Amino acid sequence: MNWEKLLSTKSQMEHIKIPQSWSVYFVDEFENDYRRIISSEEFRALQDKMQVLSLANSDFVRTRLTHSLEVSSIGRQLGTMVASNARKNEKTDLFGDKSELYARYFSTILSTAGLLHDLGNTPFGHFGEEAIGNWFRQKFEDDSFEYKGKPIREVLSEQMVKDLVGFNGNCQTLRILSRPYRDGVSSELDVTCSVINSLIKYPASSLTMNPDGFDGRMKKMGYFLSEEDFFISVRNECGLEGVEMYPLAFLLEASDDIGYVISDLEDVINEKVVSEMELVRFCNEAFEIMQAEYAKAEPDEEQELQLMITEDLLRKQEKVVMEAGTDEERLRNTIRFLKFVKRWFIYSAADSFFKYYNQIMDGSFRGELLDVGFHSITIKIYKRLMARYVYTESGKLKTELAGNRIIMELLDRFVPACVYWHEEDCRDKQNRIDTGYIRIFPDKYLDDYDQRKTDDDVYNLYLRFHMVIDFVSGLTDSKAKKLYQELTGF
């Protein structure tokens, strides 16, 4: 891989040319990407999608929008750090006289990708994502879910079935970005190939992924069959082959992890889901368990250093909490300390990027920057705390379970209605109720189907299922709830 190829400014459609007189105020294509995304309706819709806690709990908890802004900010900082400071961290000059230019490019690409990384997420968090996959899994087991006299599971190809039951937000984000047009002109989501490649964490299809394998890049699918050609063309444009990951994708992944671990933890402490004392107790106990686990293995100097660094950080955390005079002071000091930890995680990610730079550039690096950094034990402890207290919090679970029912109900109504839609020889199987449900769809989804459909009836059926998913997953939390209430009368 080489940066001249990796930093491609190509997008899918030609944008409106700027007047010649504007050229004196040059703005590169990556900055234009950022500007367009910020003003797009798809990005703004993230303000009404829950991040971790229900939006009804507080006016101040993070949404998908604020989380994306934070990830964007962390990504921008990491991009600047790794390019601007390359000469200070390596004996060889990584970028030569282009360090300043690359610092600008890296930071803008990563900040734009940070805005986009959750674009494909469903309403009601990851429960919504699972609800879509579970709905199709259950339906494919039902022989009455049929198309032209055959169970649909036998009609669709293996990859089509796996795509639908394995639905995830990463693939949906790529699908959204593969639609560059709106009313025949370039849309705000028509971004450069460099930005799109920064978002591709898993260069695998539903057929090639290997959840139990050693290679982390293959643990999940990164694209649907419907976007396979788009996926290949975007990667080819930047010179990526096989399962190589775009180098900046590692930095975006670290930005996302830092964003959700620290920022989400701030939210749950502010909302009293986890107390400051519980934070200290859990972290200390988790550290002791991990310390004992490592003691059983062969001595490892790097792990010993990581343990020392984590122990020092946790002692400081305990001091900050225990020495607070009032509850208000304890909360304020804890939040301030978590921001300090965030800065350490950012520094650790940048350090790992330099440490493994050669493996990243030759495509052999299979890990995650934070997992191989000097604070890898610290972030594991915080992730365990989130899993123990936050993801099982009763208010969050109630919201997600209600969201699961809402999404299941919407799919129950919309998917059957589209099975024979636009099938000229099956009009007798499309009743007025089915047609009514289809009319609820915004035109952009119907138009997208018209743009994508082929002469293959089976593939078109698969595309119609995606059309429904596009609509349902694109709803905000409140719109999904409102539509459910309107259709069911509850």
Protein backbone atom coordinates (compact mmCIF):
# COMPACT_ATOMS: atom_id res chain seq x y z
CA MET A 1 0.00 0.00 0.00
CA ASN A 2 1.16 3.53 -0.69
CA TRP A 3 -0.35 6.82 0.43
CA GLU A 4 -0.50 8.36 -3.02
CA LYS A 5 -3.01 5.68 -3.96
CA LEU A 6 -4.67 5.42 -0.54
CA LEU A 7 -5.55 9.13 -0.41
CA SER A 8 -7.97 9.02 -3.32
CA THR A 9 -10.29 11.98 -3.78
CA LYS A 10 -12.54 10.12 -6.21
CA SER A 11 -16.25 9.94 -5.44
CA GLN A 12 -19.06 8.22 -7.34
CA MET A 13 -20.50 11.22 -9.13
CA GLU A 14 -19.12 14.47 -10.43
CA HIS A 15 -19.97 17.32 -8.11
CA ILE A 16 -21.00 20.78 -9.20
CA LYS A 17 -17.92 22.65 -10.35
CA ILE A 18 -17.06 25.76 -8.37
CA PRO A 19 -16.62 29.11 -10.13
CA GLN A 20 -13.05 29.82 -11.23
CA SER A 21 -12.93 32.87 -8.96
CA TRP A 22 -13.30 30.58 -5.92
CA SER A 23 -10.08 28.72 -6.67
CA VAL A 24 -8.04 31.25 -4.71
CA TYR A 25 -9.82 29.91 -1.60
CA PHE A 26 -8.97 26.27 -2.25
CA VAL A 27 -10.75 23.59 -0.21
CA ASP A 28 -9.81 19.95 -0.83
CA GLU A 29 -12.35 17.18 -1.45
CA PHE A 30 -11.98 15.72 2.05
CA GLU A 31 -13.04 19.03 3.59
CA ASN A 32 -15.97 19.12 1.19
CA ASP A 33 -16.96 15.65 2.40
CA TYR A 34 -17.04 16.90 5.99
CA ARG A 35 -19.11 19.97 5.11
CA ARG A 36 -21.69 17.95 3.18
CA ILE A 37 -22.12 15.29 5.88
CA ILE A 38 -22.63 17.82 8.67
CA SER A 39 -25.63 19.29 6.81
CA SER A 40 -27.13 16.00 5.61
CA GLU A 41 -30.51 14.87 6.92
CA GLU A 42 -29.23 11.32 7.48
CA PHE A 43 -26.58 12.60 9.87
CA ARG A 44 -28.94 14.95 11.67
CA ALA A 45 -31.40 12.08 12.22
CA LEU A 46 -28.87 10.49 14.59
CA GLN A 47 -29.95 13.04 17.23
CA ASP A 48 -33.07 10.92 17.80
CA LYS A 49 -31.36 7.54 18.14
CA MET A 50 -30.28 6.29 21.55
CA GLN A 51 -26.63 5.64 22.26
CA VAL A 52 -26.62 3.71 25.55
CA LEU A 53 -29.30 5.20 27.80
CA SER A 54 -32.85 5.91 26.71
CA LEU A 55 -33.35 9.45 25.47
CA ALA A 56 -36.33 9.70 27.81
CA ASN A 57 -34.11 9.33 30.88
CA SER A 58 -32.40 12.69 30.66
CA ASP A 59 -31.96 15.73 28.47
CA PHE A 60 -28.19 15.35 28.65
CA VAL A 61 -27.36 11.74 27.79
CA ARG A 62 -25.49 11.16 24.57
CA THR A 63 -27.32 10.27 21.40
CA ARG A 64 -25.88 8.64 18.27
CA LEU A 65 -25.34 12.18 17.00
CA THR A 66 -23.28 13.42 19.95
CA HIS A 67 -21.38 10.12 20.06
CA SER A 68 -20.54 10.50 16.36
CA LEU A 69 -19.34 14.06 16.93
CA GLU A 70 -17.06 12.85 19.72
CA VAL A 71 -15.68 10.01 17.59
CA SER A 72 -15.12 12.55 14.82
CA SER A 73 -13.19 14.79 17.20
CA ILE A 74 -11.01 11.93 18.48
CA GLY A 75 -10.35 10.79 14.92
CA ARG A 76 -9.33 14.29 13.88
CA GLN A 77 -6.86 14.44 16.78
CA LEU A 78 -5.40 11.01 16.01
CA GLY A 79 -5.00 11.87 12.34
CA THR A 80 -3.04 14.98 13.23
CA MET A 81 -0.93 13.14 15.82
CA VAL A 82 0.24 10.30 13.60
CA ALA A 83 1.09 12.46 10.57
CA SER A 84 2.47 15.59 12.23
CA ASN A 85 4.61 13.68 14.71
CA ALA A 86 5.92 10.95 12.41
CA ARG A 87 9.45 12.31 12.40
CA LYS A 88 9.58 12.40 16.19
CA ASN A 89 8.42 8.79 16.61
CA GLU A 90 10.39 6.96 13.92
CA LYS A 91 14.04 6.88 12.94
CA THR A 92 12.92 6.86 9.33
CA ASP A 93 10.80 9.70 8.04
CA LEU A 94 7.44 8.13 7.23
CA PHE A 95 5.95 10.91 5.13
CA GLY A 96 8.90 13.13 4.23
CA ASP A 97 8.00 16.67 3.30
CA LYS A 98 4.32 15.68 3.06
CA SER A 99 3.83 15.34 6.83
CA GLU A 100 1.94 18.63 7.07
CA LEU A 101 -0.24 17.81 4.07
CA TYR A 102 -0.98 14.30 5.31
CA ALA A 103 -1.79 15.62 8.77
CA ARG A 104 -4.52 17.74 7.18
CA TYR A 105 -5.76 14.87 5.01
CA PHE A 106 -5.70 12.25 7.79
CA SER A 107 -7.49 14.45 10.29
CA THR A 108 -10.23 15.44 7.83
CA ILE A 109 -10.78 11.91 6.52
CA LEU A 110 -11.05 10.52 10.04
CA SER A 111 -13.27 13.32 11.31
CA THR A 112 -15.62 12.78 8.37
CA ALA A 113 -15.62 9.00 8.82
CA GLY A 114 -16.36 9.56 12.52
CA LEU A 115 -19.52 11.44 11.58
CA LEU A 116 -20.58 8.58 9.29
CA HIS A 117 -19.61 5.48 11.24
CA ASP A 118 -23.01 4.95 12.91
CA LEU A 119 -25.15 6.10 9.98
CA GLY A 120 -26.53 2.59 9.42
CA ASN A 121 -27.52 1.97 13.03
CA THR A 122 -31.13 1.07 13.72
CA PRO A 123 -33.54 2.65 16.18
CA PHE A 124 -33.19 1.44 19.79
CA GLY A 125 -29.51 0.57 19.69
CA HIS A 126 -28.10 -2.86 18.94
CA PHE A 127 -31.38 -4.54 19.96
CA GLY A 128 -32.90 -3.03 16.82
CA GLU A 129 -30.08 -4.50 14.77
CA GLU A 130 -30.61 -7.94 16.29
CA ALA A 131 -34.38 -7.66 15.86
CA ILE A 132 -34.04 -7.38 12.08
CA GLY A 133 -31.77 -10.42 11.84
CA ASN A 134 -33.94 -12.44 14.21
CA TRP A 135 -37.11 -11.58 12.28
CA PHE A 136 -35.67 -12.99 9.05
CA ARG A 137 -34.19 -16.00 10.85
CA GLN A 138 -37.60 -16.91 12.24
CA LYS A 139 -39.38 -16.30 8.93
CA PHE A 140 -36.95 -18.46 6.96
CA GLU A 141 -37.86 -21.37 9.23
CA ASP A 142 -41.53 -20.96 8.27
CA ASP A 143 -42.59 -22.78 5.10
CA SER A 144 -45.54 -20.42 4.66
CA PHE A 145 -43.11 -17.55 4.08
CA GLU A 146 -43.03 -18.36 0.39
CA TYR A 147 -42.48 -16.94 -3.07
CA LYS A 148 -44.21 -18.46 -6.08
CA GLY A 149 -44.97 -21.67 -4.23
CA LYS A 150 -41.56 -22.24 -2.64
CA PRO A 151 -40.26 -21.37 0.85
CA ILE A 152 -38.26 -18.19 0.45
CA ARG A 153 -35.22 -19.71 2.17
CA GLU A 154 -35.01 -22.11 -0.78
CA VAL A 155 -35.51 -19.36 -3.35
CA LEU A 156 -32.80 -16.98 -2.20
CA SER A 157 -29.11 -17.82 -2.54
CA GLU A 158 -27.07 -18.81 0.51
CA GLN A 159 -25.42 -15.37 0.61
CA MET A 160 -28.75 -13.56 0.40
CA VAL A 161 -30.12 -15.54 3.34
CA LYS A 162 -26.97 -14.97 5.41
CA ASP A 163 -27.01 -11.26 4.62
CA LEU A 164 -30.54 -10.87 5.95
CA VAL A 165 -30.20 -12.97 9.12
CA GLY A 166 -26.81 -11.40 9.84
CA PHE A 167 -27.88 -7.79 9.30
CA ASN A 168 -25.58 -5.27 10.96
CA GLY A 169 -25.18 -1.51 11.02
CA ASN A 170 -21.70 -1.50 9.46
CA CYS A 171 -23.02 -3.09 6.27
CA GLN A 172 -26.02 -0.78 6.30
CA THR A 173 -23.75 2.26 6.51
CA LEU A 174 -21.93 1.10 3.38
CA ARG A 175 -25.28 0.52 1.69
CA ILE A 176 -26.43 4.06 2.49
CA LEU A 177 -23.20 5.50 1.10
CA SER A 178 -23.58 3.49 -2.11
CA ARG A 179 -26.57 5.68 -3.05
CA PRO A 180 -24.88 8.85 -4.30
CA TYR A 181 -27.82 10.27 -6.19
CA ARG A 182 -30.89 12.19 -5.17
CA ASP A 183 -33.29 13.53 -7.77
CA GLY A 184 -30.68 12.77 -10.42
CA VAL A 185 -27.88 14.81 -8.86
CA SER A 186 -25.05 14.08 -6.45
CA SER A 187 -26.24 13.86 -2.83
CA GLU A 188 -24.58 15.03 0.38
CA LEU A 189 -23.55 11.41 1.06
CA ASP A 190 -21.42 11.08 -2.06
CA VAL A 191 -18.07 11.02 -0.26
CA THR A 192 -14.57 10.10 -1.38
CA CYS A 193 -13.28 6.53 -1.54
CA SER A 194 -10.74 7.31 1.19
CA VAL A 195 -13.48 8.17 3.67
CA ILE A 196 -15.52 5.08 2.76
CA ASN A 197 -12.53 2.77 3.15
CA SER A 198 -11.88 4.25 6.61
CA LEU A 199 -15.31 2.90 7.58
CA ILE A 200 -14.74 -0.68 6.39
CA LYS A 201 -13.68 -2.57 9.49
CA TYR A 202 -14.47 -6.04 8.13
CA PRO A 203 -13.51 -6.69 4.47
CA ALA A 204 -15.58 -9.88 4.43
CA SER A 205 -18.91 -11.05 3.00
CA SER A 206 -21.46 -13.19 4.81
CA LEU A 207 -19.91 -16.20 3.03
CA THR A 208 -16.26 -15.45 3.78
CA MET A 209 -16.52 -14.16 7.35
CA ASN A 210 -15.22 -16.42 10.13
CA PRO A 211 -16.48 -15.43 13.61
CA ASP A 212 -14.34 -18.05 15.35
CA GLY A 213 -11.14 -17.46 13.41
CA PHE A 214 -7.91 -15.79 14.46
CA ASP A 215 -8.14 -12.93 11.98
CA GLY A 216 -10.20 -10.15 13.56
CA ARG A 217 -10.80 -8.61 10.15
CA MET A 218 -12.99 -11.58 9.19
CA LYS A 219 -15.10 -11.88 12.35
CA LYS A 220 -18.12 -10.10 10.84
CA MET A 221 -19.39 -9.28 7.39
CA GLY A 222 -18.61 -5.82 6.13
CA TYR A 223 -20.91 -5.61 3.11
CA PHE A 224 -24.08 -7.11 1.65
CA LEU A 225 -24.25 -8.85 -1.71
CA SER A 226 -26.18 -5.83 -3.01
CA GLU A 227 -23.08 -3.64 -2.42
CA GLU A 228 -20.42 -6.14 -3.47
CA ASP A 229 -19.52 -4.33 -6.71
CA PHE A 230 -19.45 -1.01 -4.88
CA PHE A 231 -17.26 -2.48 -2.13
CA ILE A 232 -14.77 -3.86 -4.67
CA SER A 233 -14.62 -0.66 -6.72
CA VAL A 234 -14.03 1.54 -3.66
CA ARG A 235 -11.22 -0.71 -2.43
CA ASN A 236 -9.64 -1.00 -5.87
CA GLU A 237 -9.58 2.77 -6.19
CA CYS A 238 -7.34 2.97 -3.11
CA GLY A 239 -5.19 -0.01 -4.13
CA LEU A 240 -6.49 -2.44 -1.51
CA GLU A 241 -6.32 -6.16 -2.22
CA GLY A 242 -7.54 -9.30 -0.47
CA VAL A 243 -8.40 -8.62 3.18
CA GLU A 244 -6.09 -5.64 3.65
CA MET A 245 -7.62 -2.96 5.84
CA TYR A 246 -7.30 0.70 5.00
CA PRO A 247 -4.66 2.05 7.44
CA LEU A 248 -6.83 4.87 8.76
CA ALA A 249 -9.60 2.36 9.55
CA PHE A 250 -7.53 1.20 12.54
CA LEU A 251 -7.50 4.75 13.89
CA LEU A 252 -11.25 5.15 13.36
CA GLU A 253 -11.88 1.87 15.18
CA ALA A 254 -9.81 3.14 18.12
CA SER A 255 -11.68 6.46 18.08
CA ASP A 256 -15.02 4.64 18.28
CA ASP A 257 -13.86 2.43 21.16
CA ILE A 258 -12.53 5.40 23.10
CA GLY A 259 -15.70 7.34 22.42
CA TYR A 260 -18.13 4.71 23.61
CA VAL A 261 -16.11 3.40 26.56
CA ILE A 262 -15.29 6.73 28.18
CA SER A 263 -18.21 8.89 27.06
CA ASP A 264 -20.83 6.23 27.77
CA LEU A 265 -19.28 5.67 31.17
CA GLU A 266 -19.56 9.39 31.87
CA ASP A 267 -23.28 9.19 31.05
CA VAL A 268 -24.03 6.25 33.32
CA ILE A 269 -22.15 7.85 36.22
CA ASN A 270 -23.96 11.15 35.69
CA GLU A 271 -27.28 9.28 35.62
CA LYS A 272 -26.39 7.26 38.77
CA VAL A 273 -26.54 3.91 36.96
CA VAL A 274 -23.05 3.30 38.36
CA SER A 275 -21.77 5.12 41.42
CA GLU A 276 -18.26 6.46 41.72
CA MET A 277 -17.58 3.96 44.50
CA GLU A 278 -18.79 1.07 42.33
CA LEU A 279 -16.47 2.26 39.58
CA VAL A 280 -13.47 2.09 41.92
CA ARG A 281 -14.45 -1.23 43.47
CA PHE A 282 -15.15 -2.99 40.18
CA CYS A 283 -11.99 -1.72 38.48
CA ASN A 284 -9.80 -2.75 41.42
CA GLU A 285 -11.35 -6.22 41.64
CA ALA A 286 -11.14 -6.73 37.86
CA PHE A 287 -7.49 -5.70 37.92
CA GLU A 288 -6.69 -8.21 40.67
CA ILE A 289 -8.36 -10.99 38.66
CA MET A 290 -6.44 -10.09 35.50
CA GLN A 291 -3.21 -9.77 37.44
CA ALA A 292 -3.70 -13.31 38.78
CA GLU A 293 -4.49 -14.61 35.28
CA TYR A 294 -1.32 -13.12 33.82
CA ALA A 295 0.73 -14.50 36.73
CA LYS A 296 -0.15 -18.04 35.65
CA ALA A 297 1.32 -17.51 32.18
CA GLU A 298 4.94 -17.26 31.09
CA PRO A 299 6.65 -14.02 32.18
CA ASP A 300 6.11 -11.27 29.62
CA GLU A 301 7.91 -7.94 29.97
CA GLU A 302 5.29 -6.07 27.94
CA GLN A 303 2.42 -7.40 30.04
CA GLU A 304 4.32 -6.53 33.21
CA LEU A 305 4.66 -2.96 31.96
CA GLN A 306 0.95 -2.82 31.08
CA LEU A 307 0.02 -4.07 34.54
CA MET A 308 2.20 -1.41 36.17
CA ILE A 309 0.67 1.35 34.04
CA THR A 310 -2.88 0.18 34.78
CA GLU A 311 -2.22 -0.22 38.50
CA ASP A 312 -0.85 3.32 38.68
CA LEU A 313 -3.89 4.70 36.85
CA LEU A 314 -6.35 2.84 39.08
CA ARG A 315 -4.59 4.08 42.23
CA LYS A 316 -4.99 7.64 40.96
CA GLN A 317 -8.66 6.96 40.16
CA GLU A 318 -9.26 5.63 43.68
CA LYS A 319 -7.57 8.67 45.23
CA VAL A 320 -9.68 11.08 43.16
CA VAL A 321 -12.91 9.40 44.28
CA MET A 322 -12.08 8.65 47.91
CA GLU A 323 -10.66 12.06 48.76
CA ALA A 324 -13.67 14.04 47.50
CA GLY A 325 -15.39 15.99 50.26
CA THR A 326 -18.96 16.01 48.90
CA ASP A 327 -21.06 13.96 46.49
CA GLU A 328 -20.97 16.81 43.99
CA GLU A 329 -17.21 17.06 44.23
CA ARG A 330 -16.85 13.28 43.85
CA LEU A 331 -18.93 13.31 40.67
CA ARG A 332 -17.08 16.29 39.22
CA ASN A 333 -13.66 14.80 40.00
CA THR A 334 -14.61 11.41 38.55
CA ILE A 335 -15.82 12.90 35.27
CA ARG A 336 -12.67 15.00 35.06
CA PHE A 337 -10.53 11.92 35.68
CA LEU A 338 -12.31 9.97 32.92
CA LYS A 339 -11.44 12.76 30.50
CA PHE A 340 -7.83 12.33 31.60
CA VAL A 341 -8.09 8.59 30.88
CA LYS A 342 -9.51 9.37 27.43
CA ARG A 343 -6.39 11.37 26.61
CA TRP A 344 -4.21 8.42 27.65
CA PHE A 345 -6.20 6.09 25.39
CA ILE A 346 -5.77 8.48 22.45
CA TYR A 347 -2.02 8.62 23.09
CA SER A 348 -1.90 4.82 23.36
CA ALA A 349 -3.69 4.38 20.01
CA ALA A 350 -1.29 6.76 18.26
CA ASP A 351 1.69 5.00 19.82
CA SER A 352 0.42 1.59 18.62
CA PHE A 353 -0.06 2.94 15.10
CA PHE A 354 3.63 3.85 14.95
CA LYS A 355 4.71 0.63 16.63
CA TYR A 356 2.87 -1.55 14.11
CA TYR A 357 3.10 0.80 11.14
CA ASN A 358 5.00 -1.59 8.87
CA GLN A 359 2.54 -4.45 9.51
CA ILE A 360 -0.40 -2.10 8.96
CA MET A 361 1.03 -0.97 5.63
CA ASP A 362 1.84 -4.47 4.35
CA GLY A 363 -1.63 -5.73 5.38
CA SER A 364 -0.44 -8.25 7.97
CA PHE A 365 -1.67 -6.48 11.14
CA ARG A 366 -4.74 -8.33 12.46
CA GLY A 367 -5.34 -6.73 15.85
CA GLU A 368 -6.79 -3.53 17.24
CA LEU A 369 -4.60 -0.61 18.23
CA LEU A 370 -5.99 -0.31 21.74
CA ASP A 371 -5.68 -4.05 22.38
CA VAL A 372 -1.94 -3.99 21.68
CA GLY A 373 -1.23 -0.64 23.34
CA PHE A 374 0.27 0.09 26.74
CA HIS A 375 -3.23 0.73 28.15
CA SER A 376 -4.75 -2.49 26.77
CA ILE A 377 -5.46 -3.86 30.26
CA THR A 378 -7.07 -0.59 31.36
CA ILE A 379 -9.52 -0.48 28.48
CA LYS A 380 -10.41 -4.16 28.98
CA ILE A 381 -11.35 -3.38 32.58
CA TYR A 382 -13.56 -0.47 31.56
CA LYS A 383 -15.23 -2.59 28.88
CA ARG A 384 -15.96 -5.29 31.47
CA LEU A 385 -17.50 -2.66 33.74
CA MET A 386 -19.75 -1.47 30.92
CA ALA A 387 -20.86 -5.04 30.21
CA ARG A 388 -21.56 -5.67 33.90
CA TYR A 389 -23.50 -2.53 34.79
CA VAL A 390 -24.53 -0.61 31.71
CA TYR A 391 -25.67 -3.02 29.02
CA THR A 392 -27.86 -4.84 31.56
CA GLU A 393 -29.32 -1.70 33.16
CA SER A 394 -33.09 -2.17 33.58
CA GLY A 395 -34.18 1.10 31.97
CA LYS A 396 -32.00 0.45 28.95
CA LEU A 397 -33.28 -3.13 28.65
CA LYS A 398 -36.92 -2.02 28.85
CA THR A 399 -36.37 0.48 26.05
CA GLU A 400 -34.59 -2.08 23.91
CA LEU A 401 -37.21 -4.78 24.50
CA ALA A 402 -39.95 -2.32 23.56
CA GLY A 403 -37.88 -1.40 20.49
CA ASN A 404 -37.57 -5.06 19.58
CA ARG A 405 -41.35 -5.43 19.58
CA ILE A 406 -41.80 -2.27 17.52
CA ILE A 407 -39.33 -3.35 14.84
CA MET A 408 -40.70 -6.90 14.71
CA GLU A 409 -44.22 -5.54 14.23
CA LEU A 410 -43.15 -3.16 11.47
CA LEU A 411 -41.37 -5.96 9.61
CA ASP A 412 -44.43 -8.20 10.05
CA ARG A 413 -46.43 -5.64 8.11
CA PHE A 414 -44.02 -4.29 5.53
CA VAL A 415 -42.01 -7.32 4.40
CA PRO A 416 -45.00 -9.48 3.29
CA ALA A 417 -46.43 -6.43 1.52
CA CYS A 418 -43.36 -6.15 -0.71
CA VAL A 419 -42.88 -9.84 -1.64
CA TYR A 420 -44.81 -9.48 -4.93
CA TRP A 421 -44.58 -5.72 -5.35
CA HIS A 422 -43.63 -4.76 -8.94
CA GLU A 423 -44.10 -8.38 -10.08
CA GLU A 424 -46.11 -8.01 -13.27
CA ASP A 425 -47.26 -11.65 -13.35
CA CYS A 426 -48.26 -11.71 -9.66
CA ARG A 427 -50.54 -8.71 -9.36
CA ASP A 428 -53.33 -10.91 -8.06
CA LYS A 429 -51.19 -11.63 -4.96
CA GLN A 430 -50.85 -7.93 -4.11
CA ASN A 431 -53.97 -6.69 -2.29
CA ARG A 432 -55.02 -3.18 -1.34
CA ILE A 433 -53.59 -3.50 2.17
CA ASP A 434 -50.20 -4.49 0.76
CA THR A 435 -50.32 -1.54 -1.62
CA GLY A 436 -51.25 0.74 1.28
CA TYR A 437 -48.18 -0.32 3.24
CA ILE A 438 -45.93 0.30 0.25
CA ARG A 439 -47.33 3.81 -0.13
CA ILE A 440 -46.05 4.65 3.36
CA PHE A 441 -42.48 4.28 2.11
CA PRO A 442 -40.68 7.56 1.32
CA ASP A 443 -40.02 7.96 -2.40
CA LYS A 444 -36.25 7.76 -1.94
CA TYR A 445 -36.47 4.06 -1.02
CA LEU A 446 -38.80 3.21 -3.89
CA ASP A 447 -36.61 5.16 -6.30
CA ASP A 448 -33.52 3.38 -5.05
CA TYR A 449 -35.14 0.02 -5.71
CA ASP A 450 -36.02 1.13 -9.26
CA GLN A 451 -32.39 2.13 -9.80
CA ARG A 452 -31.03 -1.19 -8.56
CA LYS A 453 -33.50 -3.78 -9.86
CA THR A 454 -32.43 -6.23 -12.57
CA ASP A 455 -34.01 -8.89 -14.79
CA ASP A 456 -33.42 -11.49 -12.07
CA ASP A 457 -36.65 -12.03 -10.08
CA VAL A 458 -34.86 -13.63 -7.13
CA TYR A 459 -32.32 -10.84 -6.83
CA ASN A 460 -35.12 -8.29 -7.07
CA LEU A 461 -36.93 -10.04 -4.21
CA TYR A 462 -33.75 -9.75 -2.15
CA LEU A 463 -33.56 -6.04 -3.04
CA ARG A 464 -37.16 -5.50 -1.94
CA PHE A 465 -36.33 -7.00 1.45
CA HIS A 466 -33.46 -4.53 1.67
CA MET A 467 -35.85 -1.74 0.70
CA VAL A 468 -37.94 -2.53 3.78
CA ILE A 469 -34.83 -2.74 5.98
CA ASP A 470 -33.65 0.61 4.61
CA PHE A 471 -36.93 2.18 5.64
CA VAL A 472 -37.23 0.56 9.09
CA SER A 473 -33.58 0.93 10.08
CA GLY A 474 -33.60 4.53 8.88
CA LEU A 475 -36.39 5.51 11.27
CA THR A 476 -35.48 7.42 14.40
CA ASP A 477 -36.56 6.08 17.81
CA SER A 478 -39.55 8.41 18.08
CA LYS A 479 -40.65 7.95 14.45
CA ALA A 480 -40.51 4.17 14.79
CA LYS A 481 -42.61 4.36 17.95
CA LYS A 482 -45.10 6.75 16.37
CA LEU A 483 -45.49 4.61 13.23
CA TYR A 484 -46.01 1.51 15.37
CA GLN A 485 -48.73 3.28 17.36
CA GLU A 486 -50.44 4.54 14.21
CA LEU A 487 -50.50 1.10 12.58
CA THR A 488 -51.53 -0.90 15.66
CA GLY A 489 -53.82 1.62 17.35
CA PHE A 490 -51.87 1.44 20.61
